[in-house]
């Protein structure tokens, strides 16, 4: 198993090549939970996630032997970008195998860092097998995304920074995919402060470590799609799972809607763009899965911010609709001058902010002398929507939601 000494050595190895990310206190989240909540913002790390730490430790610790050989890795995004950045900074060629479902933005980002990208595999595990096959054929040193001692040690440097900034940390909440991040953090944290609580969070769609935590071998589960694609891993590592069993106090789950809500909260309240995997610690804290002691110091590791822009738009929009922040309805109006103006006037009186209006005439399912109007509003919440509906009904409008 990786030791605290290994992690301190990794810190020395990568110190000049990474960003020492901030630990930020959140008054909003503290007020919501009753604890003192801090965010470890690996969203601000090179390549947008913590992954560069482990990759740099692996590459820099054996730099000379890799100059001609190069490195190869498999990843859905963050490890790919971390290895690409680390290899580029070390002057070493890199090849990355990415699964077919990896987002286009992460593929292009990986290429922009100088790596050669190969798309292969329906799952991350299949991509890893392909990368290992290429490595065996002389295609470079294979760098595993999590099941590697030097990778684990590199990720564990996050805990050293947390304790340097907040020595009396009581709990650290960490996303869990293959387990490299939480294995490194738990090893350092429990070595420095044995009483600290370390909690892992997985997407409910892919709870591999939770399923495997009571077994002697890593669990292999059926993966389902999740917005937390950075932790979409079917099987925990051979090296990471024993550490999770020994040092992690518990692993909890967050649903897709809870992850999306956490992403929206981070964006609106803290102006932090977090990917789904990075937002799961907050999602679990807000869904009640984690017992929070009043006044305790809790650190949420916001592990990355590499979210596809189009996906972020859909996630935010659906979360706003779910929370009553967007109201959509349609109504049939007499096709008379001023009819639409009167309708919009009722909405304005209720302080609904109009986002979109679509006015349709002459369709086969609309009476000839009627107009079909679809309206989307920005609203304050579900109570505000009820007030608008009441006002519209009071003026004789028959609306259809949705």
Protein backbone atom coordinates (compact mmCIF):
# COMPACT_ATOMS: atom_id res chain seq x y z
CA UNK A 1 0.00 0.00 0.00
CA UNK A 2 1.02 3.60 -0.61
CA UNK A 3 2.43 5.32 2.48
CA UNK A 4 2.40 8.89 3.75
CA UNK A 5 6.10 9.04 2.88
CA UNK A 6 5.26 8.12 -0.74
CA UNK A 7 2.73 10.94 -0.86
CA UNK A 8 5.15 13.46 0.62
CA UNK A 9 7.73 12.38 -1.97
CA UNK A 10 5.12 12.86 -4.70
CA UNK A 11 4.44 16.36 -3.38
CA UNK A 12 8.11 17.23 -3.75
CA UNK A 13 8.22 15.72 -7.24
CA UNK A 14 5.24 17.63 -8.67
CA UNK A 15 5.28 20.83 -6.59
CA UNK A 16 6.79 23.04 -9.28
CA UNK A 17 4.61 21.62 -12.04
CA UNK A 18 1.08 21.91 -10.62
CA UNK A 19 -1.21 24.66 -9.35
CA UNK A 20 -1.66 24.69 -5.59
CA UNK A 21 -5.42 24.93 -5.67
CA UNK A 22 -7.33 27.05 -3.12
CA UNK A 23 -9.40 25.84 -0.20
CA UNK A 24 -12.40 28.18 -0.17
CA UNK A 25 -14.85 28.68 2.71
CA UNK A 26 -18.52 28.74 1.64
CA UNK A 27 -20.83 30.83 3.86
CA UNK A 28 -23.84 29.67 1.81
CA UNK A 29 -23.20 25.94 2.22
CA UNK A 30 -22.20 26.42 5.85
CA UNK A 31 -25.52 28.14 6.58
CA UNK A 32 -27.40 25.35 4.81
CA UNK A 33 -25.71 22.55 6.77
CA UNK A 34 -24.70 24.05 10.12
CA UNK A 35 -21.09 23.00 9.56
CA UNK A 36 -18.11 24.97 8.31
CA UNK A 37 -17.96 23.88 4.67
CA UNK A 38 -14.86 24.38 2.54
CA UNK A 39 -14.35 23.59 -1.13
CA UNK A 40 -11.06 22.21 -2.43
CA UNK A 41 -11.17 23.57 -5.97
CA UNK A 42 -9.38 21.14 -8.24
CA UNK A 43 -11.47 22.74 -10.98
CA UNK A 44 -8.65 25.30 -11.08
CA UNK A 45 -5.92 22.71 -11.54
CA UNK A 46 -4.02 22.33 -14.81
CA UNK A 47 -6.22 20.59 -17.40
CA UNK A 48 -9.21 21.29 -15.16
CA UNK A 49 -8.99 18.39 -12.71
CA UNK A 50 -6.88 16.63 -10.08
CA UNK A 51 -5.72 13.99 -12.55
CA UNK A 52 -2.57 15.86 -13.57
CA UNK A 53 -1.14 15.28 -10.08
CA UNK A 54 -0.89 11.50 -10.42
CA UNK A 55 0.17 11.68 -14.06
CA UNK A 56 3.00 14.08 -13.27
CA UNK A 57 4.20 11.93 -10.38
CA UNK A 58 4.27 8.87 -12.63
CA UNK A 59 6.04 10.61 -15.51
CA UNK A 60 8.50 12.81 -13.64
CA UNK A 61 9.64 9.99 -11.37
CA UNK A 62 10.92 8.07 -14.43
CA UNK A 63 11.40 10.89 -16.89
CA UNK A 64 14.65 9.83 -18.58
CA UNK A 65 13.44 6.35 -19.47
CA UNK A 66 10.32 7.76 -21.16
CA UNK A 67 11.92 10.32 -23.48
CA UNK A 68 11.92 7.96 -26.46
CA UNK A 69 9.33 5.44 -25.29
CA UNK A 70 6.50 7.86 -24.47
CA UNK A 71 3.37 7.04 -22.51
CA UNK A 72 -0.08 5.67 -23.25
CA UNK A 73 -3.25 5.95 -21.19
CA UNK A 74 -6.98 5.26 -21.36
CA UNK A 75 -9.59 7.69 -20.12
CA UNK A 76 -13.00 9.23 -20.71
CA UNK A 77 -11.54 12.68 -20.29
CA UNK A 78 -9.83 13.94 -17.17
CA UNK A 79 -7.05 11.34 -16.94
CA UNK A 80 -6.56 11.77 -20.67
CA UNK A 81 -6.05 15.50 -20.30
CA UNK A 82 -3.93 15.09 -17.18
CA UNK A 83 -1.56 12.64 -18.89
CA UNK A 84 -1.45 14.80 -22.02
CA UNK A 85 -0.52 17.92 -20.04
CA UNK A 86 2.02 16.05 -17.90
CA UNK A 87 3.65 14.44 -20.92
CA UNK A 88 3.75 17.70 -22.84
CA UNK A 89 5.37 19.55 -19.93
CA UNK A 90 7.98 16.76 -19.68
CA UNK A 91 8.63 16.69 -23.43
CA UNK A 92 7.36 13.13 -23.78
CA UNK A 93 4.98 11.83 -26.52
CA UNK A 94 1.56 10.64 -25.32
CA UNK A 95 -1.16 8.45 -26.83
CA UNK A 96 -4.62 8.36 -25.25
CA UNK A 97 -7.32 5.73 -25.87
CA UNK A 98 -10.79 7.12 -25.18
CA UNK A 99 -14.12 5.21 -25.08
CA UNK A 100 -16.70 5.82 -27.78
CA UNK A 101 -18.93 7.80 -25.41
CA UNK A 102 -16.25 10.30 -24.36
CA UNK A 103 -17.50 13.83 -25.02
CA UNK A 104 -16.26 15.62 -28.11
CA UNK A 105 -15.04 18.54 -26.04
CA UNK A 106 -12.82 16.27 -23.93
CA UNK A 107 -11.49 14.55 -27.04
CA UNK A 108 -10.56 17.89 -28.57
CA UNK A 109 -9.08 19.20 -25.32
CA UNK A 110 -6.86 16.13 -25.11
CA UNK A 111 -5.64 16.66 -28.67
CA UNK A 112 -5.01 20.34 -27.95
CA UNK A 113 -2.54 19.33 -25.22
CA UNK A 114 -0.48 17.49 -27.83
CA UNK A 115 -1.62 13.89 -27.37
CA UNK A 116 -2.58 11.43 -30.10
CA UNK A 117 -6.16 10.24 -29.48
CA UNK A 118 -7.51 6.80 -30.40
CA UNK A 119 -11.25 6.14 -30.00
CA UNK A 120 -11.82 2.51 -28.98
CA UNK A 121 -14.04 0.69 -26.50
CA UNK A 122 -17.68 0.81 -25.45
CA UNK A 123 -16.60 0.97 -21.79
CA UNK A 124 -13.61 2.45 -20.02
CA UNK A 125 -12.46 -1.08 -19.23
CA UNK A 126 -12.37 -1.93 -22.95
CA UNK A 127 -10.40 1.26 -23.61
CA UNK A 128 -7.91 0.27 -20.90
CA UNK A 129 -7.51 -3.17 -22.48
CA UNK A 130 -6.81 -1.54 -25.86
CA UNK A 131 -4.23 0.82 -24.34
CA UNK A 132 -2.50 -2.06 -22.56
CA UNK A 133 -2.41 -4.01 -25.83
CA UNK A 134 -0.71 -1.07 -27.56
CA UNK A 135 1.74 -0.72 -24.65
CA UNK A 136 2.69 -4.40 -24.89
CA UNK A 137 3.46 -3.80 -28.54
CA UNK A 138 5.98 -1.13 -27.66
CA UNK A 139 3.63 1.83 -27.85
CA UNK A 140 4.76 3.41 -24.59
CA UNK A 141 4.54 3.04 -20.82
CA UNK A 142 0.93 2.40 -19.81
CA UNK A 143 -0.36 4.83 -17.17
CA UNK A 144 -3.43 3.43 -15.44
CA UNK A 145 -6.09 6.01 -14.50
CA UNK A 146 -6.27 4.87 -10.87
CA UNK A 147 -4.84 1.41 -10.12
CA UNK A 148 -1.21 2.45 -9.75
CA UNK A 149 0.78 3.33 -6.64
CA UNK A 150 2.44 6.41 -8.15
CA UNK A 151 -0.92 7.67 -9.38
CA UNK A 152 -2.46 7.13 -5.94
CA UNK A 153 0.43 8.93 -4.28
CA UNK A 154 0.10 11.90 -6.64
CA UNK A 155 -3.62 12.25 -5.94
CA UNK A 156 -2.94 12.03 -2.21
CA UNK A 157 -1.06 15.35 -2.33
CA UNK A 158 -4.48 17.02 -2.21
CA UNK A 159 -4.83 15.94 1.42
CA UNK A 160 -1.44 17.44 2.30
CA UNK A 161 -2.60 20.79 0.92
CA UNK A 162 -5.90 20.56 2.77
CA UNK A 163 -4.17 20.01 6.12
CA UNK A 164 -1.65 22.76 5.43
CA UNK A 165 -4.57 25.19 4.96
CA UNK A 166 -7.00 23.73 7.53
CA UNK A 167 -5.15 21.61 10.14
CA UNK A 168 -8.31 20.89 12.15
CA UNK A 169 -10.28 19.36 9.29
CA UNK A 170 -12.90 16.93 10.64
CA UNK A 171 -14.21 15.37 7.42
CA UNK A 172 -13.19 15.11 3.78
CA UNK A 173 -15.79 14.14 1.18
CA UNK A 174 -14.36 12.71 -2.05
CA UNK A 175 -15.76 11.53 -5.40
CA UNK A 176 -15.12 7.84 -6.12
CA UNK A 177 -14.70 6.22 -9.50
CA UNK A 178 -11.88 3.72 -9.68
CA UNK A 179 -10.70 4.84 -6.26
CA UNK A 180 -7.29 6.41 -6.93
CA UNK A 181 -8.28 9.83 -5.60
CA UNK A 182 -9.93 8.64 -2.38
CA UNK A 183 -7.21 6.02 -1.76
CA UNK A 184 -4.52 8.70 -1.88
CA UNK A 185 -6.48 11.22 0.18
CA UNK A 186 -7.54 8.66 2.79
CA UNK A 187 -3.98 7.35 3.17
CA UNK A 188 -2.56 10.81 3.82
CA UNK A 189 -5.48 12.03 5.92
CA UNK A 190 -5.67 9.02 8.24
CA UNK A 191 -1.89 9.02 8.67
CA UNK A 192 -1.87 12.67 9.71
CA UNK A 193 -5.15 12.70 11.65
CA UNK A 194 -6.43 9.16 12.44
CA UNK A 195 -9.74 10.45 13.80
CA UNK A 196 -10.72 12.24 10.61
CA UNK A 197 -13.80 10.97 8.73
CA UNK A 198 -13.31 10.22 5.04
CA UNK A 199 -16.48 9.75 3.01
CA UNK A 200 -16.63 8.63 -0.60
CA UNK A 201 -19.45 9.48 -2.99
CA UNK A 202 -20.46 7.62 -6.12
CA UNK A 203 -23.13 8.16 -8.71
CA UNK A 204 -26.10 5.89 -7.93
CA UNK A 205 -25.97 4.85 -11.58
CA UNK A 206 -22.55 3.22 -11.14
CA UNK A 207 -21.83 2.30 -7.49
CA UNK A 208 -18.86 -0.01 -8.08
CA UNK A 209 -16.96 0.70 -4.86
CA UNK A 210 -20.10 0.48 -2.73
CA UNK A 211 -20.94 -2.90 -4.27
CA UNK A 212 -17.39 -4.09 -3.81
CA UNK A 213 -16.71 -2.78 -0.31
CA UNK A 214 -17.95 -5.97 1.34
CA UNK A 215 -16.20 -8.36 -1.03
CA UNK A 216 -12.70 -9.75 -1.30
CA UNK A 217 -12.42 -8.89 -5.00
CA UNK A 218 -13.30 -5.67 -6.82
CA UNK A 219 -16.92 -5.58 -7.95
CA UNK A 220 -17.76 -5.45 -11.62
CA UNK A 221 -21.17 -3.92 -12.20
CA UNK A 222 -23.32 -3.00 -15.14
CA UNK A 223 -22.70 0.63 -15.95
CA UNK A 224 -25.51 3.05 -16.67
CA UNK A 225 -25.12 6.45 -18.25
CA UNK A 226 -24.55 9.25 -15.80
CA UNK A 227 -23.81 12.97 -15.93
CA UNK A 228 -20.93 12.14 -13.57
CA UNK A 229 -19.02 10.48 -16.40
CA UNK A 230 -15.67 11.10 -14.69
CA UNK A 231 -16.54 8.44 -12.09
CA UNK A 232 -18.30 6.05 -14.45
CA UNK A 233 -16.10 3.06 -13.65
CA UNK A 234 -17.46 -0.47 -13.48
CA UNK A 235 -14.68 -1.96 -11.36
CA UNK A 236 -12.65 -0.56 -8.48
CA UNK A 237 -8.90 -1.11 -8.59
CA UNK A 238 -7.03 -4.06 -7.13
CA UNK A 239 -4.79 -1.55 -5.32
CA UNK A 240 -7.48 0.98 -4.44
CA UNK A 241 -10.26 -1.21 -3.06
CA UNK A 242 -8.25 -2.57 -0.09
CA UNK A 243 -7.43 1.02 0.90
CA UNK A 244 -11.09 1.96 0.62
CA UNK A 245 -12.07 -0.97 2.83
CA UNK A 246 -9.46 -0.14 5.46
CA UNK A 247 -9.46 3.65 5.57
CA UNK A 248 -12.70 5.06 4.14
CA UNK A 249 -15.43 5.39 6.74
CA UNK A 250 -18.34 5.01 4.33
CA UNK A 251 -19.44 5.41 0.74
CA UNK A 252 -22.73 7.05 -0.13
CA UNK A 253 -24.64 7.65 -3.35
CA UNK A 254 -26.08 10.61 -5.23
CA UNK A 255 -28.80 10.44 -7.86
CA UNK A 256 -28.67 12.13 -11.26
CA UNK A 257 -31.09 14.89 -10.21
CA UNK A 258 -29.14 15.48 -6.99
CA UNK A 259 -25.88 15.79 -8.92
CA UNK A 260 -27.49 18.23 -11.36
CA UNK A 261 -28.88 20.31 -8.48
CA UNK A 262 -25.42 20.45 -6.89
CA UNK A 263 -23.90 21.61 -10.18
CA UNK A 264 -26.51 24.38 -10.42
CA UNK A 265 -25.94 25.46 -6.82
CA UNK A 266 -22.18 25.66 -7.30
CA UNK A 267 -22.68 27.66 -10.49
CA UNK A 268 -25.22 30.13 -9.08
CA UNK A 269 -23.95 30.61 -5.53
CA UNK A 270 -20.18 30.15 -5.90
CA UNK A 271 -19.67 30.82 -9.64
CA UNK A 272 -17.92 27.45 -9.90
CA UNK A 273 -18.34 25.30 -12.99
CA UNK A 274 -18.08 21.72 -11.74
CA UNK A 275 -18.52 18.60 -13.80
CA UNK A 276 -20.89 15.94 -12.51
CA UNK A 277 -18.13 13.93 -10.84
CA UNK A 278 -16.83 17.07 -9.15
CA UNK A 279 -20.25 17.96 -7.76
CA UNK A 280 -21.09 14.60 -6.14
CA UNK A 281 -19.65 15.50 -2.70
CA UNK A 282 -22.03 18.45 -2.47
CA UNK A 283 -24.91 16.37 -3.84
CA UNK A 284 -24.42 13.77 -1.10
CA UNK A 285 -24.12 16.36 1.63
CA UNK A 286 -27.37 18.02 0.56
CA UNK A 287 -29.34 14.78 0.11
CA UNK A 288 -28.82 13.84 3.76
CA UNK A 289 -26.55 10.84 3.12
CA UNK A 290 -23.77 12.33 5.23
CA UNK A 291 -24.28 13.03 8.93
CA UNK A 292 -22.95 16.52 9.56
CA UNK A 293 -21.96 17.67 13.05
CA UNK A 294 -22.75 21.31 13.73
CA UNK A 295 -19.63 23.46 13.79
CA UNK A 296 -17.37 20.78 12.31
CA UNK A 297 -14.96 21.54 9.47
CA UNK A 298 -15.91 19.71 6.29
CA UNK A 299 -13.94 19.78 3.05
CA UNK A 300 -15.65 18.86 -0.22
CA UNK A 301 -13.19 17.90 -2.94
CA UNK A 302 -14.57 19.47 -6.12
CA UNK A 303 -12.43 17.27 -8.29
CA UNK A 304 -12.90 18.74 -11.76
CA UNK A 305 -14.65 21.23 -13.99
CA UNK A 306 -14.38 19.65 -17.44
CA UNK A 307 -18.03 19.58 -18.42
CA UNK A 308 -19.18 19.77 -22.02
CA UNK A 309 -20.87 23.14 -22.64
CA UNK A 310 -23.91 21.65 -24.37
CA UNK A 311 -24.38 19.13 -21.55
CA UNK A 312 -24.02 21.87 -18.93
CA UNK A 313 -26.77 23.86 -20.66
CA UNK A 314 -29.14 20.87 -20.58
CA UNK A 315 -28.32 20.04 -16.97
CA UNK A 316 -28.86 23.61 -15.77
CA UNK A 317 -32.06 24.02 -17.78
CA UNK A 318 -33.61 20.81 -16.46
CA UNK A 319 -32.64 21.69 -12.90
CA UNK A 320 -34.26 25.12 -13.25
CA UNK A 321 -37.48 23.53 -14.54
CA UNK A 322 -37.45 20.96 -11.74
CA UNK A 323 -37.16 23.70 -9.12
CA UNK A 324 -39.87 25.87 -10.57
CA UNK A 325 -37.44 28.45 -11.89
CA UNK A 326 -38.79 28.04 -15.42
CA UNK A 327 -42.49 27.75 -16.27
CA UNK A 328 -43.71 26.57 -19.65
CA UNK A 329 -47.34 26.61 -20.79
CA UNK A 330 -49.49 26.97 -23.89
CA UNK A 331 -52.86 28.64 -24.43
CA UNK A 332 -55.36 29.19 -27.26
CA UNK A 333 -56.23 32.85 -27.90
CA UNK A 334 -58.80 34.53 -30.10
CA UNK A 335 -56.95 35.85 -33.14
CA UNK A 336 -57.81 39.46 -32.40
CA UNK A 337 -55.61 42.57 -32.13
CA UNK A 338 -54.36 42.97 -28.57
CA UNK A 339 -55.12 39.42 -27.43
CA UNK A 340 -51.47 38.51 -26.96
CA UNK A 341 -50.71 41.87 -25.34
CA UNK A 342 -53.45 41.31 -22.75
CA UNK A 343 -52.08 37.85 -21.93
CA UNK A 344 -48.56 39.17 -21.52
CA UNK A 345 -49.90 41.97 -19.34
CA UNK A 346 -51.32 39.45 -16.86
CA UNK A 347 -47.93 37.74 -16.71
CA UNK A 348 -46.15 41.07 -16.21
CA UNK A 349 -48.44 41.95 -13.30
CA UNK A 350 -47.30 38.73 -11.61
CA UNK A 351 -43.64 39.61 -12.29
CA UNK A 352 -43.01 36.66 -14.56
CA UNK A 353 -40.02 37.27 -16.82
CA UNK A 354 -40.77 36.14 -20.38
CA UNK A 355 -38.01 34.10 -21.98
CA UNK A 356 -39.69 32.81 -25.15
CA UNK A 357 -43.00 33.33 -26.99
CA UNK A 358 -44.01 31.17 -29.95
CA UNK A 359 -47.17 32.30 -31.77
CA UNK A 360 -48.73 29.85 -34.27
CA UNK A 361 -51.60 30.36 -36.73
CA UNK A 362 -53.19 28.16 -39.36
CA UNK A 363 -52.07 24.75 -38.12
CA UNK A 364 -54.42 21.84 -38.79
CA UNK A 365 -55.13 21.20 -35.11
CA UNK A 366 -55.88 24.87 -34.30
CA UNK A 367 -59.32 26.45 -34.93
CA UNK A 368 -59.21 28.88 -37.84
CA UNK A 369 -59.99 31.94 -35.73
CA UNK A 370 -57.64 30.99 -32.88
CA UNK A 371 -53.89 31.31 -32.27
CA UNK A 372 -51.78 28.83 -30.36
CA UNK A 373 -49.28 30.56 -28.06
CA UNK A 374 -46.44 28.77 -26.24
CA UNK A 375 -44.73 30.75 -23.50
CA UNK A 376 -41.67 30.13 -21.34
CA UNK A 377 -41.13 32.23 -18.23
CA UNK A 378 -38.43 32.72 -15.65
CA UNK A 379 -40.02 32.32 -12.22
CA UNK A 380 -38.96 32.40 -8.57
CA UNK A 381 -40.14 28.92 -7.69
CA UNK A 382 -43.19 26.66 -7.49
CA UNK A 383 -45.19 29.09 -5.33
CA UNK A 384 -44.64 31.83 -7.89
CA UNK A 385 -45.85 29.49 -10.64
CA UNK A 386 -49.04 28.84 -8.66
CA UNK A 387 -49.63 32.60 -8.34
CA UNK A 388 -49.23 33.06 -12.11
CA UNK A 389 -51.57 30.14 -12.84
CA UNK A 390 -54.17 31.55 -10.45
CA UNK A 391 -54.00 34.98 -12.09
CA UNK A 392 -54.33 33.49 -15.59
CA UNK A 393 -57.27 31.31 -14.61
CA UNK A 394 -58.89 34.34 -12.96
CA UNK A 395 -58.76 36.16 -16.29
CA UNK A 396 -60.41 33.24 -18.08
CA UNK A 397 -57.33 31.67 -19.70
CA UNK A 398 -57.24 27.90 -19.97
CA UNK A 399 -53.57 26.97 -19.95
CA UNK A 400 -51.82 23.69 -20.53
CA UNK A 401 -48.54 23.18 -18.65
CA UNK A 402 -45.49 21.64 -20.20
